[in-house]
Amino acid sequence: MPLVGFTMTASGMTSLSVSFETRRQLNSMKAMGDHRSVDDLLAELVKQNKLMRMKGVLDELRSRLDELNELDADALVRKLALSPFPV
């Protein structure tokens, strides 16, 4: 997910200087997060991102289940009985 308004590099930087800056920032994050390697850091970030998306889906499913729990099934059956089409 891109960060809006987040600038990682200065304008006019070459691709090589961007690579060095990116590596420097990743190494700083690795050290602060107590990860063994940048790969471990990136794996953890990907895992966190997936968990956050899954949590959002789970919350939506719970909300839909709550809506179904509030549904009056008997009223729906009665309405189906009034239908002009075979059920």
Protein backbone atom coordinates (compact mmCIF):
# COMPACT_ATOMS: atom_id res chain seq x y z
CA MET A 1 0.00 0.00 0.00
CA PRO A 2 1.68 3.27 -1.04
CA LEU A 3 2.03 5.94 1.60
CA VAL A 4 0.43 9.17 0.47
CA GLY A 5 2.73 12.15 0.92
CA PHE A 6 5.67 9.95 1.91
CA THR A 7 8.86 10.88 0.07
CA MET A 8 11.71 8.47 0.51
CA THR A 9 14.26 10.22 -1.69
CA ALA A 10 15.16 13.72 -2.76
CA SER A 11 14.39 14.96 -6.25
CA GLY A 12 17.26 14.64 -8.69
CA MET A 13 18.65 11.47 -7.15
CA THR A 14 20.02 8.88 -9.56
CA SER A 15 18.78 5.31 -9.56
CA LEU A 16 22.02 4.24 -7.90
CA SER A 17 21.65 6.77 -5.09
CA VAL A 18 18.01 5.73 -4.68
CA SER A 19 19.16 2.10 -4.33
CA PHE A 20 21.70 3.08 -1.67
CA GLU A 21 19.13 5.19 0.19
CA THR A 22 16.59 2.37 0.06
CA ARG A 23 19.16 -0.10 1.35
CA ARG A 24 20.18 2.30 4.12
CA GLN A 25 16.58 2.74 5.24
CA LEU A 26 15.89 -1.00 5.13
CA ASN A 27 19.00 -1.68 7.19
CA SER A 28 17.89 0.95 9.72
CA MET A 29 14.45 -0.65 9.96
CA LYS A 30 16.08 -4.08 10.31
CA ALA A 31 18.22 -2.90 13.22
CA MET A 32 15.33 -1.15 14.97
CA GLY A 33 13.05 -4.16 14.55
CA ASP A 34 15.66 -6.64 15.76
CA HIS A 35 15.49 -8.72 12.56
CA ARG A 36 18.37 -10.96 11.47
CA SER A 37 18.28 -9.80 7.84
CA VAL A 38 16.51 -7.45 5.46
CA ASP A 39 14.80 -10.54 4.00
CA ASP A 40 13.36 -11.33 7.44
CA LEU A 41 12.19 -7.72 7.75
CA LEU A 42 10.49 -7.79 4.35
CA ALA A 43 8.89 -11.18 5.08
CA GLU A 44 7.52 -9.78 8.35
CA LEU A 45 6.14 -6.68 6.58
CA VAL A 46 4.44 -8.83 3.93
CA LYS A 47 2.99 -11.07 6.64
CA GLN A 48 1.64 -8.07 8.58
CA ASN A 49 0.09 -6.65 5.42
CA LYS A 50 -1.64 -9.95 4.61
CA LEU A 51 -2.91 -10.28 8.18
CA MET A 52 -4.36 -6.76 8.09
CA ARG A 53 -6.18 -7.51 4.81
CA MET A 54 -7.46 -10.82 6.19
CA LYS A 55 -8.68 -9.03 9.33
CA GLY A 56 -10.65 -6.61 7.14
CA VAL A 57 -12.26 -9.50 5.26
CA LEU A 58 -13.04 -11.29 8.51
CA ASP A 59 -14.66 -8.16 9.96
CA GLU A 60 -16.83 -7.83 6.84
CA LEU A 61 -17.88 -11.49 7.04
CA ARG A 62 -18.79 -11.09 10.72
CA SER A 63 -20.87 -8.06 9.89
CA ARG A 64 -22.73 -9.99 7.17
CA LEU A 65 -23.33 -12.90 9.55
CA ASP A 66 -24.79 -10.48 12.10
CA GLU A 67 -27.16 -9.19 9.40
CA LEU A 68 -28.24 -12.77 8.65
CA ASN A 69 -28.86 -13.44 12.33
CA GLU A 70 -31.28 -10.53 12.40
CA LEU A 71 -33.18 -11.90 9.39
CA ASP A 72 -36.64 -13.35 9.99
CA ALA A 73 -36.59 -16.64 8.05
CA ASP A 74 -40.28 -17.39 8.73
CA ALA A 75 -41.31 -14.10 7.16
CA LEU A 76 -39.29 -14.94 4.07
CA VAL A 77 -40.93 -18.36 3.80
CA ARG A 78 -44.38 -16.75 4.07
CA LYS A 79 -43.48 -14.28 1.31
CA LEU A 80 -42.27 -17.15 -0.89
CA ALA A 81 -45.60 -18.91 -0.40
CA LEU A 82 -47.32 -15.83 -1.87
CA SER A 83 -45.12 -15.93 -4.97
CA PRO A 84 -46.97 -16.58 -8.26
CA PHE A 85 -44.03 -18.73 -9.39
CA PRO A 86 -43.41 -22.31 -8.24
CA VAL A 87 -40.90 -22.49 -5.40
